[in-house]
Amino acid sequence: MIISMREQLGQRLSELKAEFEQGQKMLADLESRQESLRHSLLRISGAIQVLEEELGKCRGEEVEIIQHSK
């Protein structure tokens, strides 16, 4: 069976369109995951900042206690 040039081109076009659609879905998934990761990192960063501030307060209180006990 001989496949015409037109059929070959049509088949290749269909393959490329399917591959393109799959690539778009993968890209959308990656962008969604990237946004989710950014959100998680922002929350973690905020928690780190709060804990560092609290530790700083505790250290300040320790210094005060030591100074008052002398």
N, C-alpha and C. Protein backbone atom coordinates (compact mmCIF):
# COMPACT_ATOMS: atom_id res chain seq x y z
N MET A 1 0.84 -1.18 0.00
CA MET A 1 0.00 0.00 0.00
C MET A 1 0.89 1.25 0.00
N ILE A 2 0.63 2.13 -0.89
CA ILE A 2 1.41 3.34 -1.02
C ILE A 2 0.65 4.47 -0.32
N ILE A 3 1.36 5.14 0.59
CA ILE A 3 0.76 6.28 1.30
C ILE A 3 1.15 7.54 0.55
N SER A 4 0.18 8.34 0.25
CA SER A 4 0.46 9.57 -0.50
C SER A 4 1.17 10.58 0.40
N MET A 5 1.82 11.50 -0.25
CA MET A 5 2.52 12.57 0.47
C MET A 5 1.53 13.34 1.34
N ARG A 6 0.35 13.55 0.84
CA ARG A 6 -0.67 14.30 1.58
C ARG A 6 -1.05 13.55 2.86
N GLU A 7 -1.19 12.22 2.77
CA GLU A 7 -1.53 11.42 3.95
C GLU A 7 -0.38 11.43 4.96
N GLN A 8 0.84 11.35 4.46
CA GLN A 8 2.01 11.39 5.34
C GLN A 8 2.08 12.72 6.10
N LEU A 9 1.87 13.80 5.36
CA LEU A 9 1.89 15.13 5.98
C LEU A 9 0.77 15.28 7.00
N GLY A 10 -0.39 14.79 6.65
CA GLY A 10 -1.54 14.85 7.57
C GLY A 10 -1.28 14.06 8.84
N GLN A 11 -0.69 12.88 8.69
CA GLN A 11 -0.38 12.05 9.84
C GLN A 11 0.66 12.74 10.73
N ARG A 12 1.68 13.29 10.10
CA ARG A 12 2.73 13.98 10.88
C ARG A 12 2.15 15.20 11.59
N LEU A 13 1.27 15.91 10.93
CA LEU A 13 0.62 17.07 11.53
C LEU A 13 -0.17 16.65 12.76
N SER A 14 -0.90 15.57 12.67
CA SER A 14 -1.67 15.06 13.81
C SER A 14 -0.75 14.69 14.96
N GLU A 15 0.37 14.04 14.65
CA GLU A 15 1.33 13.65 15.68
C GLU A 15 1.90 14.88 16.39
N LEU A 16 2.27 15.87 15.58
CA LEU A 16 2.85 17.09 16.16
C LEU A 16 1.84 17.85 17.02
N LYS A 17 0.58 17.90 16.58
CA LYS A 17 -0.45 18.58 17.37
C LYS A 17 -0.65 17.87 18.71
N ALA A 18 -0.66 16.54 18.70
CA ALA A 18 -0.81 15.77 19.93
C ALA A 18 0.38 16.02 20.86
N GLU A 19 1.58 16.04 20.29
CA GLU A 19 2.79 16.29 21.07
C GLU A 19 2.78 17.70 21.65
N PHE A 20 2.33 18.66 20.85
CA PHE A 20 2.24 20.05 21.31
C PHE A 20 1.26 20.17 22.46
N GLU A 21 0.10 19.53 22.34
CA GLU A 21 -0.91 19.57 23.39
C GLU A 21 -0.37 18.95 24.68
N GLN A 22 0.33 17.84 24.55
CA GLN A 22 0.91 17.19 25.72
C GLN A 22 1.95 18.11 26.38
N GLY A 23 2.75 18.78 25.57
CA GLY A 23 3.74 19.74 26.09
C GLY A 23 3.08 20.89 26.83
N GLN A 24 1.97 21.39 26.29
CA GLN A 24 1.25 22.48 26.95
C GLN A 24 0.71 22.03 28.31
N LYS A 25 0.19 20.81 28.38
CA LYS A 25 -0.32 20.28 29.64
C LYS A 25 0.81 20.14 30.66
N MET A 26 1.95 19.64 30.20
CA MET A 26 3.10 19.50 31.10
C MET A 26 3.56 20.86 31.61
N LEU A 27 3.59 21.85 30.74
CA LEU A 27 4.01 23.20 31.12
C LEU A 27 3.04 23.79 32.15
N ALA A 28 1.75 23.62 31.92
CA ALA A 28 0.75 24.13 32.87
C ALA A 28 0.91 23.45 34.23
N ASP A 29 1.19 22.15 34.22
CA ASP A 29 1.40 21.42 35.47
C ASP A 29 2.64 21.94 36.19
N LEU A 30 3.72 22.16 35.46
CA LEU A 30 4.94 22.67 36.07
C LEU A 30 4.74 24.07 36.64
N GLU A 31 4.00 24.92 35.92
CA GLU A 31 3.74 26.27 36.41
C GLU A 31 2.91 26.23 37.69
N SER A 32 1.95 25.31 37.74
CA SER A 32 1.13 25.15 38.94
C SER A 32 1.98 24.68 40.11
N ARG A 33 2.86 23.72 39.85
CA ARG A 33 3.74 23.21 40.91
C ARG A 33 4.71 24.29 41.37
N GLN A 34 5.18 25.10 40.42
CA GLN A 34 6.09 26.19 40.76
C GLN A 34 5.40 27.20 41.69
N GLU A 35 4.17 27.54 41.37
CA GLU A 35 3.41 28.48 42.20
C GLU A 35 3.18 27.91 43.59
N SER A 36 2.86 26.63 43.65
CA SER A 36 2.65 25.97 44.93
C SER A 36 3.93 25.98 45.76
N LEU A 37 5.05 25.71 45.12
CA LEU A 37 6.33 25.71 45.81
C LEU A 37 6.69 27.11 46.30
N ARG A 38 6.43 28.12 45.47
CA ARG A 38 6.68 29.51 45.88
C ARG A 38 5.87 29.84 47.13
N HIS A 39 4.61 29.44 47.14
CA HIS A 39 3.74 29.69 48.29
C HIS A 39 4.29 29.01 49.53
N SER A 40 4.72 27.76 49.40
CA SER A 40 5.28 27.03 50.54
C SER A 40 6.55 27.71 51.05
N LEU A 41 7.41 28.13 50.14
CA LEU A 41 8.65 28.79 50.55
C LEU A 41 8.37 30.11 51.24
N LEU A 42 7.35 30.82 50.79
CA LEU A 42 6.98 32.09 51.42
C LEU A 42 6.50 31.85 52.86
N ARG A 43 5.67 30.80 53.05
CA ARG A 43 5.20 30.46 54.40
C ARG A 43 6.37 30.06 55.30
N ILE A 44 7.29 29.24 54.76
CA ILE A 44 8.43 28.80 55.55
C ILE A 44 9.31 29.99 55.91
N SER A 45 9.51 30.88 54.96
CA SER A 45 10.32 32.08 55.20
C SER A 45 9.71 32.93 56.31
N GLY A 46 8.40 33.07 56.29
CA GLY A 46 7.71 33.83 57.34
C GLY A 46 7.87 33.17 58.70
N ALA A 47 7.75 31.85 58.73
CA ALA A 47 7.91 31.12 59.99
C ALA A 47 9.33 31.26 60.51
N ILE A 48 10.32 31.20 59.62
CA ILE A 48 11.71 31.38 60.03
C ILE A 48 11.91 32.75 60.65
N GLN A 49 11.34 33.77 60.02
CA GLN A 49 11.49 35.13 60.52
C GLN A 49 10.89 35.26 61.91
N VAL A 50 9.69 34.72 62.11
CA VAL A 50 9.03 34.80 63.42
C VAL A 50 9.87 34.09 64.48
N LEU A 51 10.35 32.90 64.16
CA LEU A 51 11.15 32.14 65.13
C LEU A 51 12.46 32.85 65.45
N GLU A 52 13.09 33.44 64.44
CA GLU A 52 14.33 34.19 64.70
C GLU A 52 14.06 35.38 65.60
N GLU A 53 12.95 36.07 65.38
CA GLU A 53 12.60 37.21 66.23
C GLU A 53 12.34 36.75 67.66
N GLU A 54 11.63 35.63 67.82
CA GLU A 54 11.35 35.11 69.15
C GLU A 54 12.63 34.68 69.86
N LEU A 55 13.53 34.03 69.12
CA LEU A 55 14.81 33.65 69.71
C LEU A 55 15.61 34.87 70.13
N GLY A 56 15.55 35.92 69.31
CA GLY A 56 16.23 37.16 69.65
C GLY A 56 15.69 37.75 70.94
N LYS A 57 14.37 37.70 71.13
CA LYS A 57 13.76 38.20 72.37
C LYS A 57 14.21 37.37 73.56
N CYS A 58 14.25 36.05 73.38
CA CYS A 58 14.68 35.16 74.46
C CYS A 58 16.12 35.44 74.84
N ARG A 59 16.96 35.65 73.87
CA ARG A 59 18.37 35.96 74.16
C ARG A 59 18.48 37.28 74.90
N GLY A 60 17.66 38.25 74.50
CA GLY A 60 17.66 39.55 75.18
C GLY A 60 17.22 39.40 76.62
N GLU A 61 16.23 38.57 76.88
CA GLU A 61 15.75 38.34 78.24
C GLU A 61 16.82 37.63 79.05
N GLU A 62 17.54 36.68 78.44
CA GLU A 62 18.61 35.98 79.14
C GLU A 62 19.70 36.95 79.57
N VAL A 63 20.06 37.87 78.69
CA VAL A 63 21.09 38.85 79.02
C VAL A 63 20.61 39.73 80.17
N GLU A 64 19.34 40.13 80.13
CA GLU A 64 18.78 40.95 81.21
C GLU A 64 18.82 40.21 82.54
N ILE A 65 18.43 38.97 82.55
CA ILE A 65 18.42 38.15 83.77
C ILE A 65 19.83 38.04 84.33
N ILE A 66 20.79 37.78 83.46
CA ILE A 66 22.18 37.64 83.90
C ILE A 66 22.67 38.97 84.48
N GLN A 67 22.37 40.08 83.83
CA GLN A 67 22.81 41.39 84.31
C GLN A 67 22.17 41.73 85.64
N HIS A 68 20.91 41.40 85.85
CA HIS A 68 20.23 41.72 87.10
C HIS A 68 20.69 40.83 88.25
N SER A 69 21.17 39.66 87.93
CA SER A 69 21.59 38.75 89.00
C SER A 69 22.98 39.04 89.51
N LYS A 70 23.71 39.90 88.83
CA LYS A 70 25.09 40.25 89.26
C LYS A 70 25.09 41.25 90.37
